[in-house]
Amino acid sequence: MTDIGIVSYGGSIPRLRIKAEELADVWGKDGTRIAKGLGIAEKSVPSIDQDTATISVEAARNALKRCHINPQDIGSIYIGSESHPYAVKPTGTIVGEAIGATPDLMVADYEFACKAGTAGVQNCFSNVKAGLIKYGLAIGADTAQAAPGDALEFSAAAGGAAFIIGNEKVIAAINHTYSYATDTPDFWRRAEQKYPRHGGRFTGEPAYFKHVTNASKNLMEKAKTTPKDYDYAVFHQPNAKFPLKEAKILGFTKEQIKPGLKVSYIGNTYSGASLVGLAGVLDIAKPGDRILMTSYGSGAGSDSFDITVTDEISKYERDKAPLIDDMINDKEYISYGVYAKYTDLLYWE
């Protein structure tokens, strides 16, 4: 059977950063405690002219720079985000136009909190497998919102990653995928509300850990694997503590998850979080490496993937676009005042 999987990928992380200590200085003792507990030193911030659409376009263009794919061979574009710039108008059509895709295109914007991007990967995979398209483009990207002073303000960040899925020159084959979902109200935002709300006591259990654990375990049962069979594991990273605890629950080591754990340096990029982590792993992966990736989206659900890096990655032109760590290290710090201006915290009705 022909491999179906990742043909190319690219990331996009804004240059601007705000340090956790800057946020903590504004909110006093509670802020200092929150920042320390999350394990996030700083987070990425969108500039005044950056949003989910521009981040998605840049990530898609970076993916195209690394391969020799005609954008008009892309048959579907799925963009997962909880911060689409328009309530009624797709982000996907903006991306399609910007990269030069044909109008003969399946496009959809997805929302499922932080797992909307991986849902797009699954749909592209299914479309290619069914023979409906040659290539699919799946993107997870966000400019996450948080109310001033809320615990989320210390983690809600900006960034994303794009993946082109196909069955030619596959650099990372998707062997198996598995999803697990329940109605768990740990995080939500009603229509017309500016900021999301969260049920703090639900955040770990029965939300994140229940879904990530079950999706990962069931995937490994389906793939007939154990944690020892993987070189890397990437879990959704709302903070630095949860992925480390999840690794311990499942039997993975810190060494397996450290290469994909980017949250301490850029914060939680929501729909982009697990995909940015996967892109970071692919930046260093070698032929034969095996990766387990499990996303998580509040509300609640997880998508898990069993991935094998192929020999094709030895010929893959990674250097044609910035690596994830390159973008993490290319940064400029801003004050809380500038942050408030750029993230529209000064908005009122």
Protein backbone atom coordinates (compact mmCIF):
# COMPACT_ATOMS: atom_id res chain seq x y z
CA MET A 1 0.00 0.00 0.00
CA THR A 2 1.27 3.47 -0.86
CA ASP A 3 2.16 5.62 2.12
CA ILE A 4 -0.16 8.51 2.87
CA GLY A 5 1.13 11.25 5.11
CA ILE A 6 3.06 14.46 5.41
CA VAL A 7 4.67 15.64 2.17
CA SER A 8 5.75 19.02 3.52
CA TYR A 9 5.22 21.32 6.50
CA GLY A 10 5.90 24.85 7.66
CA GLY A 11 5.44 26.99 10.73
CA SER A 12 4.71 30.59 11.61
CA ILE A 13 5.45 32.19 14.99
CA PRO A 14 5.24 35.97 15.52
CA ARG A 15 8.48 37.73 16.56
CA LEU A 16 6.95 39.67 19.43
CA ARG A 17 7.20 38.25 22.97
CA ILE A 18 6.05 39.28 26.39
CA LYS A 19 7.78 37.82 29.42
CA ALA A 20 5.77 36.11 32.15
CA GLU A 21 7.42 38.41 34.69
CA GLU A 22 6.06 41.43 32.79
CA LEU A 23 2.55 40.02 33.10
CA ALA A 24 3.17 39.10 36.73
CA ASP A 25 4.31 42.64 37.55
CA VAL A 26 0.94 43.93 36.39
CA TRP A 27 -1.14 41.46 38.38
CA GLY A 28 0.93 41.15 41.55
CA LYS A 29 1.34 38.07 43.76
CA ASP A 30 -1.37 36.05 42.01
CA GLY A 31 0.32 36.69 38.69
CA THR A 32 3.70 35.52 39.98
CA ARG A 33 2.16 32.33 41.35
CA ILE A 34 0.32 31.57 38.10
CA ALA A 35 3.38 32.20 35.92
CA LYS A 36 5.55 29.90 38.03
CA GLY A 37 2.93 27.14 38.06
CA LEU A 38 2.48 27.09 34.28
CA GLY A 39 6.19 26.75 33.47
CA ILE A 40 5.94 29.40 30.73
CA ALA A 41 8.80 31.92 30.64
CA GLU A 42 7.35 34.05 27.82
CA LYS A 43 4.76 33.90 25.08
CA SER A 44 4.41 35.00 21.47
CA VAL A 45 2.18 37.97 20.69
CA PRO A 46 0.64 38.89 17.33
CA SER A 47 1.59 42.25 15.93
CA ILE A 48 -1.13 44.71 15.04
CA ASP A 49 -1.27 43.35 11.47
CA GLN A 50 -1.14 39.64 12.32
CA ASP A 51 -4.09 37.31 12.76
CA THR A 52 -4.98 33.68 12.12
CA ALA A 53 -5.24 34.33 8.38
CA THR A 54 -1.79 35.89 8.02
CA ILE A 55 -0.19 33.24 10.23
CA SER A 56 -1.88 30.50 8.17
CA VAL A 57 -0.68 32.04 4.91
CA GLU A 58 2.91 32.29 6.13
CA ALA A 59 2.88 28.70 7.44
CA ALA A 60 1.42 27.44 4.14
CA ARG A 61 3.98 29.36 2.08
CA ASN A 62 6.80 27.95 4.21
CA ALA A 63 5.47 24.44 3.57
CA LEU A 64 5.39 25.11 -0.18
CA LYS A 65 8.95 26.50 -0.18
CA ARG A 66 10.26 23.12 0.98
CA CYS A 67 8.73 21.02 -1.77
CA HIS A 68 8.02 21.09 -5.49
CA ILE A 69 4.24 21.02 -5.37
CA ASN A 70 2.08 23.13 -7.64
CA PRO A 71 -0.43 24.90 -5.35
CA GLN A 72 -3.10 24.15 -7.95
CA ASP A 73 -2.71 20.45 -7.13
CA ILE A 74 -3.99 21.11 -3.61
CA GLY A 75 -7.59 19.89 -3.56
CA SER A 76 -8.63 20.79 -0.02
CA ILE A 77 -7.77 23.36 2.61
CA TYR A 78 -8.90 22.91 6.20
CA ILE A 79 -7.97 25.50 8.82
CA GLY A 80 -8.50 24.83 12.50
CA SER A 81 -8.64 27.80 14.87
CA GLU A 82 -10.66 29.33 17.65
CA SER A 83 -9.68 32.82 16.55
CA HIS A 84 -10.75 33.00 12.91
CA PRO A 85 -10.74 36.71 11.99
CA TYR A 86 -14.31 36.56 10.67
CA ALA A 87 -17.40 35.06 12.27
CA VAL A 88 -18.92 34.70 8.81
CA LYS A 89 -16.29 34.43 6.06
CA PRO A 90 -13.82 31.59 5.80
CA THR A 91 -10.13 31.87 6.53
CA GLY A 92 -9.47 29.00 4.12
CA THR A 93 -10.44 30.98 1.01
CA ILE A 94 -8.01 33.74 1.99
CA VAL A 95 -5.22 31.17 2.28
CA GLY A 96 -6.18 29.48 -0.99
CA GLU A 97 -6.08 32.78 -2.88
CA ALA A 98 -2.78 33.80 -1.25
CA ILE A 99 -0.94 30.61 -2.20
CA GLY A 100 -2.36 30.43 -5.72
CA ALA A 101 -4.63 27.41 -5.31
CA THR A 102 -7.26 26.60 -7.91
CA PRO A 103 -10.91 27.53 -7.22
CA ASP A 104 -11.74 23.81 -7.71
CA LEU A 105 -11.19 23.33 -4.01
CA MET A 106 -12.79 21.92 -0.88
CA VAL A 107 -12.47 24.52 1.89
CA ALA A 108 -13.66 24.52 5.48
CA ASP A 109 -12.82 26.36 8.67
CA TYR A 110 -12.84 24.12 11.72
CA GLU A 111 -13.47 24.84 15.37
CA PHE A 112 -12.87 22.33 18.14
CA ALA A 113 -10.82 24.39 20.55
CA CYS A 114 -7.17 23.31 20.37
CA LYS A 115 -7.65 20.15 18.29
CA ALA A 116 -9.26 21.76 15.24
CA GLY A 117 -5.97 21.66 13.31
CA THR A 118 -5.47 17.92 13.78
CA ALA A 119 -9.06 17.35 12.64
CA GLY A 120 -7.99 19.02 9.40
CA VAL A 121 -5.06 16.61 9.09
CA GLN A 122 -7.43 13.68 9.49
CA ASN A 123 -9.76 15.00 6.79
CA CYS A 124 -6.91 15.62 4.35
CA PHE A 125 -5.64 12.09 5.04
CA SER A 126 -9.12 10.65 4.39
CA ASN A 127 -9.58 12.66 1.18
CA VAL A 128 -6.23 11.48 -0.20
CA LYS A 129 -6.95 7.89 0.83
CA ALA A 130 -10.34 8.03 -0.90
CA GLY A 131 -8.74 9.33 -4.10
CA LEU A 132 -10.72 12.57 -4.01
CA ILE A 133 -7.68 14.84 -4.03
CA LYS A 134 -3.97 14.73 -4.82
CA TYR A 135 -2.88 16.93 -1.92
CA GLY A 136 -4.60 18.47 1.07
CA LEU A 137 -3.48 21.39 3.21
CA ALA A 138 -4.25 21.28 6.93
CA ILE A 139 -3.42 24.20 9.21
CA GLY A 140 -3.73 24.77 12.93
CA ALA A 141 -3.27 28.43 13.90
CA ASP A 142 -4.45 30.86 16.53
CA THR A 143 -4.04 34.29 18.02
CA ALA A 144 -5.48 33.16 21.32
CA GLN A 145 -7.51 35.53 23.48
CA ALA A 146 -7.56 35.86 27.25
CA ALA A 147 -9.23 38.31 29.59
CA PRO A 148 -6.85 40.67 31.40
CA GLY A 149 -5.72 39.15 34.69
CA ASP A 150 -7.13 35.72 33.91
CA ALA A 151 -4.79 32.74 34.30
CA LEU A 152 -5.13 32.20 30.54
CA GLU A 153 -3.40 35.51 29.89
CA PHE A 154 -0.09 33.94 30.94
CA SER A 155 -0.35 31.23 28.28
CA ALA A 156 -2.61 32.35 25.40
CA ALA A 157 -0.24 32.90 22.48
CA ALA A 158 0.00 33.17 18.69
CA GLY A 159 1.38 30.83 16.06
CA GLY A 160 0.61 27.90 13.83
CA ALA A 161 1.78 25.18 11.51
CA ALA A 162 0.72 23.90 8.09
CA PHE A 163 0.95 20.35 6.73
CA ILE A 164 0.57 19.22 3.14
CA ILE A 165 -0.83 15.68 3.04
CA GLY A 166 -0.45 13.39 0.03
CA ASN A 167 0.87 10.03 -1.21
CA GLU A 168 3.91 11.10 -3.24
CA LYS A 169 7.32 11.83 -1.72
CA VAL A 170 5.91 11.34 1.77
CA ILE A 171 8.42 12.38 4.43
CA ALA A 172 6.35 11.08 7.36
CA ALA A 173 3.76 8.36 6.87
CA ILE A 174 0.59 8.44 8.96
CA ASN A 175 0.15 4.80 9.93
CA HIS A 176 -2.83 5.13 12.24
CA THR A 177 -5.08 7.78 13.74
CA TYR A 178 -7.59 7.55 16.57
CA SER A 179 -10.01 10.04 18.15
CA TYR A 180 -11.71 10.20 21.53
CA ALA A 181 -14.36 12.79 22.48
CA THR A 182 -16.94 13.51 25.20
CA ASP A 183 -19.13 16.43 26.28
CA THR A 184 -16.88 17.87 29.00
CA PRO A 185 -17.40 21.61 29.70
CA ASP A 186 -13.90 22.66 30.72
CA PHE A 187 -13.55 25.69 28.42
CA TRP A 188 -15.97 27.64 26.24
CA ARG A 189 -16.89 30.95 24.70
CA ARG A 190 -20.44 31.85 23.73
CA ALA A 191 -21.26 33.76 20.57
CA GLU A 192 -20.46 37.48 20.81
CA GLN A 193 -18.32 37.05 23.92
CA LYS A 194 -14.85 38.55 23.58
CA TYR A 195 -13.02 36.20 25.93
CA PRO A 196 -13.33 32.48 26.69
CA ARG A 197 -14.21 31.14 30.12
CA HIS A 198 -13.00 28.01 31.83
CA GLY A 199 -14.09 25.61 34.53
CA GLY A 200 -10.78 25.40 36.34
CA ARG A 201 -11.48 22.22 38.31
CA PHE A 202 -12.31 20.35 35.09
CA THR A 203 -9.16 21.40 33.25
CA GLY A 204 -6.92 18.47 34.22
CA GLU A 205 -9.47 15.81 35.12
CA PRO A 206 -11.81 14.86 33.59
CA ALA A 207 -10.70 16.98 30.65
CA TYR A 208 -7.09 16.98 29.39
CA PHE A 209 -5.71 13.82 30.99
CA LYS A 210 -8.75 11.63 30.38
CA HIS A 211 -8.91 12.44 26.68
CA VAL A 212 -5.20 12.50 25.87
CA THR A 213 -4.62 9.28 27.82
CA ASN A 214 -7.51 7.39 26.22
CA ALA A 215 -6.76 8.56 22.69
CA SER A 216 -3.07 7.68 23.05
CA LYS A 217 -3.65 4.30 24.69
CA ASN A 218 -6.28 3.29 22.16
CA LEU A 219 -4.05 4.37 19.29
CA MET A 220 -1.15 2.29 20.62
CA GLU A 221 -3.47 -0.67 21.04
CA LYS A 222 -4.59 -0.23 17.42
CA ALA A 223 -0.98 0.11 16.23
CA LYS A 224 0.23 -2.71 18.53
CA THR A 225 2.91 -0.45 19.99
CA THR A 226 4.19 0.65 23.39
CA PRO A 227 5.92 3.91 24.39
CA LYS A 228 9.29 2.22 23.84
CA ASP A 229 8.50 1.90 20.12
CA TYR A 230 8.55 5.69 19.68
CA ASP A 231 11.49 8.03 19.33
CA TYR A 232 9.34 11.11 19.99
CA ALA A 233 6.00 11.95 21.52
CA VAL A 234 4.11 15.23 21.18
CA PHE A 235 1.14 16.07 23.39
CA HIS A 236 -1.03 19.16 23.39
CA GLN A 237 0.75 21.72 25.53
CA PRO A 238 -1.50 24.25 27.29
CA ASN A 239 1.35 24.65 29.77
CA ALA A 240 4.64 22.89 30.50
CA LYS A 241 3.31 20.74 33.34
CA PHE A 242 0.50 18.82 31.63
CA PRO A 243 2.56 17.21 28.82
CA LEU A 244 5.22 16.10 31.31
CA LYS A 245 2.60 14.56 33.59
CA GLU A 246 0.89 12.89 30.61
CA ALA A 247 4.20 11.41 29.47
CA LYS A 248 4.65 9.89 32.92
CA ILE A 249 1.10 8.50 32.94
CA LEU A 250 1.64 6.77 29.59
CA GLY A 251 5.22 5.65 30.19
CA PHE A 252 7.12 8.07 27.94
CA THR A 253 10.37 9.69 29.02
CA LYS A 254 11.27 13.38 29.17
CA GLU A 255 13.80 12.74 26.39
CA GLN A 256 11.00 11.58 24.09
CA ILE A 257 8.84 14.67 24.56
CA LYS A 258 11.42 17.44 25.09
CA PRO A 259 12.13 18.10 21.34
CA GLY A 260 8.46 18.86 20.67
CA LEU A 261 7.76 20.77 23.89
CA LYS A 262 7.78 24.43 22.82
CA VAL A 263 5.22 25.94 25.18
CA SER A 264 7.76 27.30 27.69
CA TYR A 265 9.18 29.60 25.01
CA ILE A 266 6.11 30.70 23.05
CA GLY A 267 3.09 29.85 25.21
CA ASN A 268 0.01 27.91 24.15
CA THR A 269 -0.75 28.46 20.47
CA TYR A 270 -4.06 26.59 20.87
CA SER A 271 -4.93 24.91 17.55
CA GLY A 272 -1.30 25.30 16.55
CA ALA A 273 0.18 23.84 19.74
CA SER A 274 0.52 20.12 18.97
CA LEU A 275 1.21 20.81 15.28
CA VAL A 276 3.99 23.29 16.08
CA GLY A 277 5.44 20.61 18.37
CA LEU A 278 5.25 18.04 15.57
CA ALA A 279 6.92 20.47 13.16
CA GLY A 280 9.70 20.97 15.70
CA VAL A 281 10.25 17.21 15.84
CA LEU A 282 10.26 16.88 12.05
CA ASP A 283 12.93 19.60 11.97
CA ILE A 284 15.35 17.09 13.53
CA ALA A 285 13.84 13.71 12.64
CA LYS A 286 15.73 10.97 10.78
CA PRO A 287 14.52 8.12 8.55
CA GLY A 288 12.88 5.39 10.61
CA ASP A 289 12.01 7.62 13.57
CA ARG A 290 8.56 6.96 14.97
CA ILE A 291 6.37 9.70 16.45
CA LEU A 292 3.23 9.64 18.55
CA MET A 293 1.27 12.88 18.52
CA THR A 294 -1.93 13.54 20.46
CA SER A 295 -3.80 16.81 20.38
CA TYR A 296 -6.42 17.99 22.83
CA GLY A 297 -9.34 20.36 22.40
CA SER A 298 -11.58 21.53 25.20
CA GLY A 299 -15.19 20.55 25.10
CA ALA A 300 -13.60 17.90 24.79
CA GLY A 301 -11.62 15.60 22.48
CA SER A 302 -8.25 14.30 21.34
CA ASP A 303 -6.84 13.14 18.00
CA SER A 304 -3.88 10.76 18.17
CA PHE A 305 -1.49 9.82 15.36
CA ASP A 306 1.12 7.11 14.82
CA ILE A 307 3.72 8.47 12.36
CA THR A 308 6.86 6.96 10.80
CA VAL A 309 9.52 9.17 9.22
CA THR A 310 10.53 7.83 5.79
CA ASP A 311 13.77 7.82 3.81
CA GLU A 312 12.32 10.68 1.76
CA ILE A 313 13.16 13.11 4.56
CA SER A 314 16.87 12.75 3.70
CA LYS A 315 16.13 14.56 0.41
CA TYR A 316 13.63 16.99 1.92
CA GLU A 317 14.64 20.66 1.68
CA ARG A 318 14.11 21.71 5.29
CA ASP A 319 16.53 24.62 4.94
CA LYS A 320 14.27 26.38 2.40
CA ALA A 321 12.13 27.76 5.24
CA PRO A 322 12.76 28.72 8.88
CA LEU A 323 12.86 25.89 11.42
CA ILE A 324 10.60 26.13 14.46
CA ASP A 325 13.54 26.86 16.76
CA ASP A 326 14.74 29.56 14.34
CA MET A 327 11.40 31.32 14.72
CA ILE A 328 11.40 30.83 18.49
CA ASN A 329 14.82 32.44 18.76
CA ASP A 330 13.96 35.36 16.44
CA LYS A 331 12.18 37.57 18.95
CA GLU A 332 11.56 41.09 20.21
CA TYR A 333 10.25 41.84 23.68
CA ILE A 334 7.40 44.26 24.29
CA SER A 335 5.86 45.92 27.34
CA TYR A 336 2.41 45.21 28.73
CA GLY A 337 1.20 48.51 27.29
CA VAL A 338 2.21 47.53 23.75
CA TYR A 339 0.80 44.04 24.33
CA ALA A 340 -2.53 45.56 25.41
CA LYS A 341 -2.64 47.69 22.27
CA TYR A 342 -1.78 44.88 19.86
CA THR A 343 -4.16 42.34 21.41
CA ASP A 344 -7.03 44.82 21.63
CA LEU A 345 -7.30 44.67 25.42
CA LEU A 346 -8.27 48.35 25.37
CA TYR A 347 -11.48 47.53 23.47
CA TRP A 348 -14.80 48.58 24.95
CA GLU A 349 -18.34 48.95 23.70
